[in-house]
Amino acid sequence: MLNVLNQIVDGANQYANLILVFTTIVYAFLTYETVKIMRRQVTSNIRVAKIHLRVSAEGKRDGFKISAFKDLVRRPFGALKDVTFVFRMFADFVNISSGAGAIDQPKLIIKFSHSNFELEVRPTSERIGAARRTVIIPGGGFEKIDLDYFVAFNEKFLEQLKNNPAGIEYYVRYRDNSGHRHKVKIDDIDGLK
């Protein structure tokens, strides 16, 4: 009997280091997975839930209304110097994690397909939910933002608009409190097209 016990103990001693290494690897992996889950719970994760853009333009001097960008192509370039473009953005930002977070006020980006031109427009009025430069969104919460953007005479913008009125694209760009920059295309647009 004592001989059998000695054989079992000797066999266990031979594999003890291997068992210890395997147990340590499993423990390290499970600890790493737990840390990842905890990090997701306390770090904010802010996304755009819904975004809508309303676009309009009017002339200052003669008060003409523009119903489509192609209408601008027919106007003389000098008359376009008095056109002001008004962009009104309605957005719902959602924090899908448990940790509170914040974003800078979103900027409107106007681009044209088949061109490197990009116009960044800062908000000019502060409305619902955006009275601060930074918008704080609690964990699991959401914030409605309503901002106005104005583009007065900008020669390069008007030149791109005259050359490619159908190629205009809109994006919203914002930075969260983690330092990540986000750029989201706006597809829900009414008004000028």
C-alpha atoms as a PDB file:
ATOM      1  CA  MET A   1       0.000   0.000   0.000  1.00  0.00           C
ATOM      2  CA  LEU A   2       2.793   2.390   0.903  1.00  0.00           C
ATOM      3  CA  ASN A   3       4.460   1.552  -2.379  1.00  0.00           C
ATOM      4  CA  VAL A   4       1.338   2.549  -4.358  1.00  0.00           C
ATOM      5  CA  LEU A   5       1.086   5.867  -2.479  1.00  0.00           C
ATOM      6  CA  ASN A   6       4.732   6.636  -3.229  1.00  0.00           C
ATOM      7  CA  GLN A   7       4.143   6.020  -6.943  1.00  0.00           C
ATOM      8  CA  ILE A   8       1.131   8.366  -6.961  1.00  0.00           C
ATOM      9  CA  VAL A   9       3.023  11.136  -5.103  1.00  0.00           C
ATOM     10  CA  ASP A  10       6.042  10.744  -7.406  1.00  0.00           C
ATOM     11  CA  GLY A  11       3.769  11.031 -10.483  1.00  0.00           C
ATOM     12  CA  ALA A  12       2.075  14.141  -9.090  1.00  0.00           C
ATOM     13  CA  ASN A  13       5.452  15.748  -8.320  1.00  0.00           C
ATOM     14  CA  GLN A  14       6.612  15.176 -11.871  1.00  0.00           C
ATOM     15  CA  TYR A  15       3.652  17.094 -13.305  1.00  0.00           C
ATOM     16  CA  ALA A  16       3.215  19.683 -10.514  1.00  0.00           C
ATOM     17  CA  ASN A  17       5.093  22.448 -12.365  1.00  0.00           C
ATOM     18  CA  LEU A  18       3.156  21.801 -15.550  1.00  0.00           C
ATOM     19  CA  ILE A  19      -0.152  21.903 -13.657  1.00  0.00           C
ATOM     20  CA  LEU A  20       0.925  25.133 -11.931  1.00  0.00           C
ATOM     21  CA  VAL A  21       1.846  26.790 -15.261  1.00  0.00           C
ATOM     22  CA  PHE A  22      -1.466  25.754 -16.832  1.00  0.00           C
ATOM     23  CA  THR A  23      -3.448  27.048 -13.816  1.00  0.00           C
ATOM     24  CA  THR A  24      -1.568  30.371 -13.928  1.00  0.00           C
ATOM     25  CA  ILE A  25      -2.304  30.814 -17.647  1.00  0.00           C
ATOM     26  CA  VAL A  26      -6.019  30.162 -17.128  1.00  0.00           C
ATOM     27  CA  TYR A  27      -6.099  32.574 -14.172  1.00  0.00           C
ATOM     28  CA  ALA A  28      -4.297  35.320 -16.152  1.00  0.00           C
ATOM     29  CA  PHE A  29      -6.678  34.939 -19.103  1.00  0.00           C
ATOM     30  CA  LEU A  30      -9.788  35.112 -16.917  1.00  0.00           C
ATOM     31  CA  THR A  31      -8.407  38.172 -15.072  1.00  0.00           C
ATOM     32  CA  TYR A  32      -7.715  39.901 -18.408  1.00  0.00           C
ATOM     33  CA  GLU A  33     -11.284  39.201 -19.595  1.00  0.00           C
ATOM     34  CA  THR A  34     -12.678  40.613 -16.328  1.00  0.00           C
ATOM     35  CA  VAL A  35     -10.605  43.796 -16.724  1.00  0.00           C
ATOM     36  CA  LYS A  36     -11.897  44.237 -20.293  1.00  0.00           C
ATOM     37  CA  ILE A  37     -15.503  43.928 -19.131  1.00  0.00           C
ATOM     38  CA  MET A  38     -14.942  46.399 -16.275  1.00  0.00           C
ATOM     39  CA  ARG A  39     -13.249  48.877 -18.618  1.00  0.00           C
ATOM     40  CA  ARG A  40     -16.261  48.785 -20.965  1.00  0.00           C
ATOM     41  CA  GLN A  41     -18.571  49.490 -18.040  1.00  0.00           C
ATOM     42  CA  VAL A  42     -16.747  52.610 -16.815  1.00  0.00           C
ATOM     43  CA  THR A  43     -15.607  54.071 -20.155  1.00  0.00           C
ATOM     44  CA  SER A  44     -18.155  56.078 -22.106  1.00  0.00           C
ATOM     45  CA  ASN A  45     -19.196  54.940 -25.572  1.00  0.00           C
ATOM     46  CA  ILE A  46     -21.031  57.810 -27.268  1.00  0.00           C
ATOM     47  CA  ARG A  47     -22.683  57.283 -30.636  1.00  0.00           C
ATOM     48  CA  VAL A  48     -25.059  59.167 -32.902  1.00  0.00           C
ATOM     49  CA  ALA A  49     -28.509  57.617 -32.668  1.00  0.00           C
ATOM     50  CA  LYS A  50     -30.267  59.883 -35.134  1.00  0.00           C
ATOM     51  CA  ILE A  51     -29.206  62.924 -37.120  1.00  0.00           C
ATOM     52  CA  HIS A  52     -31.158  65.238 -39.403  1.00  0.00           C
ATOM     53  CA  LEU A  53     -30.003  68.274 -41.383  1.00  0.00           C
ATOM     54  CA  ARG A  54     -32.164  71.054 -42.780  1.00  0.00           C
ATOM     55  CA  VAL A  55     -30.527  73.166 -45.495  1.00  0.00           C
ATOM     56  CA  SER A  56     -31.695  76.547 -46.785  1.00  0.00           C
ATOM     57  CA  ALA A  57     -30.241  79.603 -48.484  1.00  0.00           C
ATOM     58  CA  GLU A  58     -31.326  83.100 -49.271  1.00  0.00           C
ATOM     59  CA  GLY A  59     -29.917  86.254 -50.778  1.00  0.00           C
ATOM     60  CA  LYS A  60     -29.383  89.243 -48.512  1.00  0.00           C
ATOM     61  CA  ARG A  61     -29.954  92.006 -51.015  1.00  0.00           C
ATOM     62  CA  ASP A  62     -32.792  90.893 -53.247  1.00  0.00           C
ATOM     63  CA  GLY A  63     -34.235  88.280 -50.847  1.00  0.00           C
ATOM     64  CA  PHE A  64     -34.390  85.551 -53.496  1.00  0.00           C
ATOM     65  CA  LYS A  65     -35.075  82.036 -52.284  1.00  0.00           C
ATOM     66  CA  ILE A  66     -33.164  79.074 -53.606  1.00  0.00           C
ATOM     67  CA  SER A  67     -35.058  75.802 -53.887  1.00  0.00           C
ATOM     68  CA  ALA A  68     -32.178  73.647 -55.181  1.00  0.00           C
ATOM     69  CA  PHE A  69     -28.422  73.924 -55.532  1.00  0.00           C
ATOM     70  CA  LYS A  70     -28.778  73.702 -59.294  1.00  0.00           C
ATOM     71  CA  ASP A  71     -30.555  77.116 -59.107  1.00  0.00           C
ATOM     72  CA  LEU A  72     -27.233  78.624 -58.071  1.00  0.00           C
ATOM     73  CA  VAL A  73     -25.557  77.542 -61.290  1.00  0.00           C
ATOM     74  CA  ARG A  74     -27.845  79.885 -63.249  1.00  0.00           C
ATOM     75  CA  ARG A  75     -27.104  82.945 -61.089  1.00  0.00           C
ATOM     76  CA  PRO A  76     -24.144  85.205 -61.844  1.00  0.00           C
ATOM     77  CA  PHE A  77     -21.180  84.707 -59.528  1.00  0.00           C
ATOM     78  CA  GLY A  78     -21.441  88.300 -58.238  1.00  0.00           C
ATOM     79  CA  ALA A  79     -25.010  87.717 -57.047  1.00  0.00           C
ATOM     80  CA  LEU A  80     -23.890  84.666 -55.103  1.00  0.00           C
ATOM     81  CA  LYS A  81     -21.700  86.815 -52.849  1.00  0.00           C
ATOM     82  CA  ASP A  82     -24.872  87.817 -51.007  1.00  0.00           C
ATOM     83  CA  VAL A  83     -26.101  84.259 -50.425  1.00  0.00           C
ATOM     84  CA  THR A  84     -26.110  82.907 -46.886  1.00  0.00           C
ATOM     85  CA  PHE A  85     -26.469  79.176 -46.373  1.00  0.00           C
ATOM     86  CA  VAL A  86     -28.236  78.081 -43.199  1.00  0.00           C
ATOM     87  CA  PHE A  87     -27.770  74.544 -41.906  1.00  0.00           C
ATOM     88  CA  ARG A  88     -29.811  73.356 -38.937  1.00  0.00           C
ATOM     89  CA  MET A  89     -28.789  70.062 -37.384  1.00  0.00           C
ATOM     90  CA  PHE A  90     -30.938  67.968 -35.054  1.00  0.00           C
ATOM     91  CA  ALA A  91     -29.058  65.095 -33.468  1.00  0.00           C
ATOM     92  CA  ASP A  92     -29.568  62.514 -30.746  1.00  0.00           C
ATOM     93  CA  PHE A  93     -26.367  61.321 -29.105  1.00  0.00           C
ATOM     94  CA  VAL A  94     -26.518  58.152 -26.989  1.00  0.00           C
ATOM     95  CA  ASN A  95     -24.046  56.844 -24.425  1.00  0.00           C
ATOM     96  CA  ILE A  96     -24.392  53.063 -24.647  1.00  0.00           C
ATOM     97  CA  SER A  97     -22.071  52.345 -21.735  1.00  0.00           C
ATOM     98  CA  SER A  98     -22.543  52.825 -17.980  1.00  0.00           C
ATOM     99  CA  GLY A  99     -19.786  55.428 -17.628  1.00  0.00           C
ATOM    100  CA  ALA A 100     -20.586  59.113 -18.094  1.00  0.00           C
ATOM    101  CA  GLY A 101     -18.941  60.860 -21.028  1.00  0.00           C
ATOM    102  CA  ALA A 102     -18.810  64.089 -22.983  1.00  0.00           C
ATOM    103  CA  ILE A 103     -18.403  65.348 -26.532  1.00  0.00           C
ATOM    104  CA  ASP A 104     -17.267  68.652 -27.979  1.00  0.00           C
ATOM    105  CA  GLN A 105     -19.896  70.583 -29.903  1.00  0.00           C
ATOM    106  CA  PRO A 106     -20.261  68.837 -33.252  1.00  0.00           C
ATOM    107  CA  LYS A 107     -18.881  70.532 -36.356  1.00  0.00           C
ATOM    108  CA  LEU A 108     -20.575  70.315 -39.734  1.00  0.00           C
ATOM    109  CA  ILE A 109     -18.335  69.087 -42.558  1.00  0.00           C
ATOM    110  CA  ILE A 110     -19.346  69.861 -46.140  1.00  0.00           C
ATOM    111  CA  LYS A 111     -17.599  67.844 -48.854  1.00  0.00           C
ATOM    112  CA  PHE A 112     -18.038  67.288 -52.558  1.00  0.00           C
ATOM    113  CA  SER A 113     -17.676  63.936 -54.270  1.00  0.00           C
ATOM    114  CA  HIS A 114     -14.710  63.698 -56.658  1.00  0.00           C
ATOM    115  CA  SER A 115     -12.988  66.594 -54.870  1.00  0.00           C
ATOM    116  CA  ASN A 116     -10.615  67.069 -51.948  1.00  0.00           C
ATOM    117  CA  PHE A 117     -12.468  70.200 -50.864  1.00  0.00           C
ATOM    118  CA  GLU A 118     -13.762  70.107 -47.302  1.00  0.00           C
ATOM    119  CA  LEU A 119     -15.395  72.967 -45.425  1.00  0.00           C
ATOM    120  CA  GLU A 120     -15.571  72.730 -41.627  1.00  0.00           C
ATOM    121  CA  VAL A 121     -18.307  74.865 -40.080  1.00  0.00           C
ATOM    122  CA  ARG A 122     -18.592  75.562 -36.364  1.00  0.00           C
ATOM    123  CA  PRO A 123     -22.012  76.022 -34.774  1.00  0.00           C
ATOM    124  CA  THR A 124     -23.110  79.647 -34.548  1.00  0.00           C
ATOM    125  CA  SER A 125     -26.128  79.317 -32.288  1.00  0.00           C
ATOM    126  CA  GLU A 126     -26.682  77.274 -29.211  1.00  0.00           C
ATOM    127  CA  ARG A 127     -30.042  75.699 -28.660  1.00  0.00           C
ATOM    128  CA  ILE A 128     -31.451  72.696 -26.867  1.00  0.00           C
ATOM    129  CA  GLY A 129     -28.787  70.684 -25.051  1.00  0.00           C
ATOM    130  CA  ALA A 130     -25.827  72.528 -26.524  1.00  0.00           C
ATOM    131  CA  ALA A 131     -25.512  75.675 -24.432  1.00  0.00           C
ATOM    132  CA  ARG A 132     -22.045  74.513 -23.407  1.00  0.00           C
ATOM    133  CA  ARG A 133     -18.971  73.939 -25.514  1.00  0.00           C
ATOM    134  CA  THR A 134     -18.903  70.420 -24.092  1.00  0.00           C
ATOM    135  CA  VAL A 135     -22.023  68.287 -23.916  1.00  0.00           C
ATOM    136  CA  ILE A 136     -22.062  65.843 -20.992  1.00  0.00           C
ATOM    137  CA  ILE A 137     -23.979  62.600 -21.493  1.00  0.00           C
ATOM    138  CA  PRO A 138     -24.573  60.356 -18.452  1.00  0.00           C
ATOM    139  CA  GLY A 139     -24.015  56.613 -18.620  1.00  0.00           C
ATOM    140  CA  GLY A 140     -26.906  54.966 -20.438  1.00  0.00           C
ATOM    141  CA  GLY A 141     -28.334  58.404 -21.252  1.00  0.00           C
ATOM    142  CA  PHE A 142     -28.912  60.493 -24.348  1.00  0.00           C
ATOM    143  CA  GLU A 143     -28.787  64.160 -25.312  1.00  0.00           C
ATOM    144  CA  LYS A 144     -30.752  65.994 -27.989  1.00  0.00           C
ATOM    145  CA  ILE A 145     -28.729  68.652 -29.754  1.00  0.00           C
ATOM    146  CA  ASP A 146     -30.138  71.362 -32.018  1.00  0.00           C
ATOM    147  CA  LEU A 147     -27.497  73.580 -33.659  1.00  0.00           C
ATOM    148  CA  ASP A 148     -27.406  76.205 -36.399  1.00  0.00           C
ATOM    149  CA  TYR A 149     -24.515  76.628 -38.806  1.00  0.00           C
ATOM    150  CA  PHE A 150     -24.150  79.556 -41.208  1.00  0.00           C
ATOM    151  CA  VAL A 151     -21.932  79.790 -44.266  1.00  0.00           C
ATOM    152  CA  ALA A 152     -21.642  83.278 -45.680  1.00  0.00           C
ATOM    153  CA  PHE A 153     -19.702  84.000 -48.854  1.00  0.00           C
ATOM    154  CA  ASN A 154     -16.940  81.473 -49.350  1.00  0.00           C
ATOM    155  CA  GLU A 155     -15.486  81.566 -52.843  1.00  0.00           C
ATOM    156  CA  LYS A 156     -14.100  78.017 -52.862  1.00  0.00           C
ATOM    157  CA  PHE A 157     -17.374  76.603 -51.537  1.00  0.00           C
ATOM    158  CA  LEU A 158     -19.416  78.421 -54.189  1.00  0.00           C
ATOM    159  CA  GLU A 159     -16.994  77.338 -56.907  1.00  0.00           C
ATOM    160  CA  GLN A 160     -17.382  73.697 -55.865  1.00  0.00           C
ATOM    161  CA  LEU A 161     -21.144  74.143 -55.654  1.00  0.00           C
ATOM    162  CA  LYS A 162     -21.362  75.565 -59.186  1.00  0.00           C
ATOM    163  CA  ASN A 163     -19.140  72.791 -60.593  1.00  0.00           C
ATOM    164  CA  ASN A 164     -20.727  69.858 -58.783  1.00  0.00           C
ATOM    165  CA  PRO A 165     -24.148  70.748 -57.287  1.00  0.00           C
ATOM    166  CA  ALA A 166     -25.261  67.121 -57.047  1.00  0.00           C
ATOM    167  CA  GLY A 167     -22.057  65.939 -55.365  1.00  0.00           C
ATOM    168  CA  ILE A 168     -22.496  67.663 -52.007  1.00  0.00           C
ATOM    169  CA  GLU A 169     -22.118  65.461 -48.920  1.00  0.00           C
ATOM    170  CA  TYR A 170     -22.591  66.338 -45.259  1.00  0.00           C
ATOM    171  CA  TYR A 171     -20.852  64.906 -42.214  1.00  0.00           C
ATOM    172  CA  VAL A 172     -20.813  65.672 -38.521  1.00  0.00           C
ATOM    173  CA  ARG A 173     -17.473  65.526 -36.704  1.00  0.00           C
ATOM    174  CA  TYR A 174     -17.103  65.388 -32.935  1.00  0.00           C
ATOM    175  CA  ARG A 175     -14.532  64.340 -30.346  1.00  0.00           C
ATOM    176  CA  ASP A 176     -15.409  62.397 -27.200  1.00  0.00           C
ATOM    177  CA  ASN A 177     -13.782  62.628 -23.777  1.00  0.00           C
ATOM    178  CA  SER A 178     -11.525  59.676 -24.607  1.00  0.00           C
ATOM    179  CA  GLY A 179      -9.926  61.779 -27.342  1.00  0.00           C
ATOM    180  CA  HIS A 180     -11.409  59.713 -30.187  1.00  0.00           C
ATOM    181  CA  ARG A 181     -12.590  61.665 -33.212  1.00  0.00           C
ATOM    182  CA  HIS A 182     -15.761  60.510 -34.928  1.00  0.00           C
ATOM    183  CA  LYS A 183     -17.043  61.444 -38.371  1.00  0.00           C
ATOM    184  CA  VAL A 184     -20.582  60.399 -39.310  1.00  0.00           C
ATOM    185  CA  LYS A 185     -22.237  60.905 -42.692  1.00  0.00           C
ATOM    186  CA  ILE A 186     -25.606  62.678 -42.606  1.00  0.00           C
ATOM    187  CA  ASP A 187     -28.130  60.977 -44.880  1.00  0.00           C
ATOM    188  CA  ASP A 188     -31.388  62.472 -43.569  1.00  0.00           C
ATOM    189  CA  ILE A 189     -31.451  65.881 -45.292  1.00  0.00           C
ATOM    190  CA  ASP A 190     -34.309  68.145 -46.278  1.00  0.00           C
ATOM    191  CA  GLY A 191     -34.386  71.522 -47.939  1.00  0.00           C
ATOM    192  CA  LEU A 192     -31.775  72.289 -50.587  1.00  0.00           C
ATOM    193  CA  LYS A 193     -30.531  69.302 -52.554  1.00  0.00           C
END
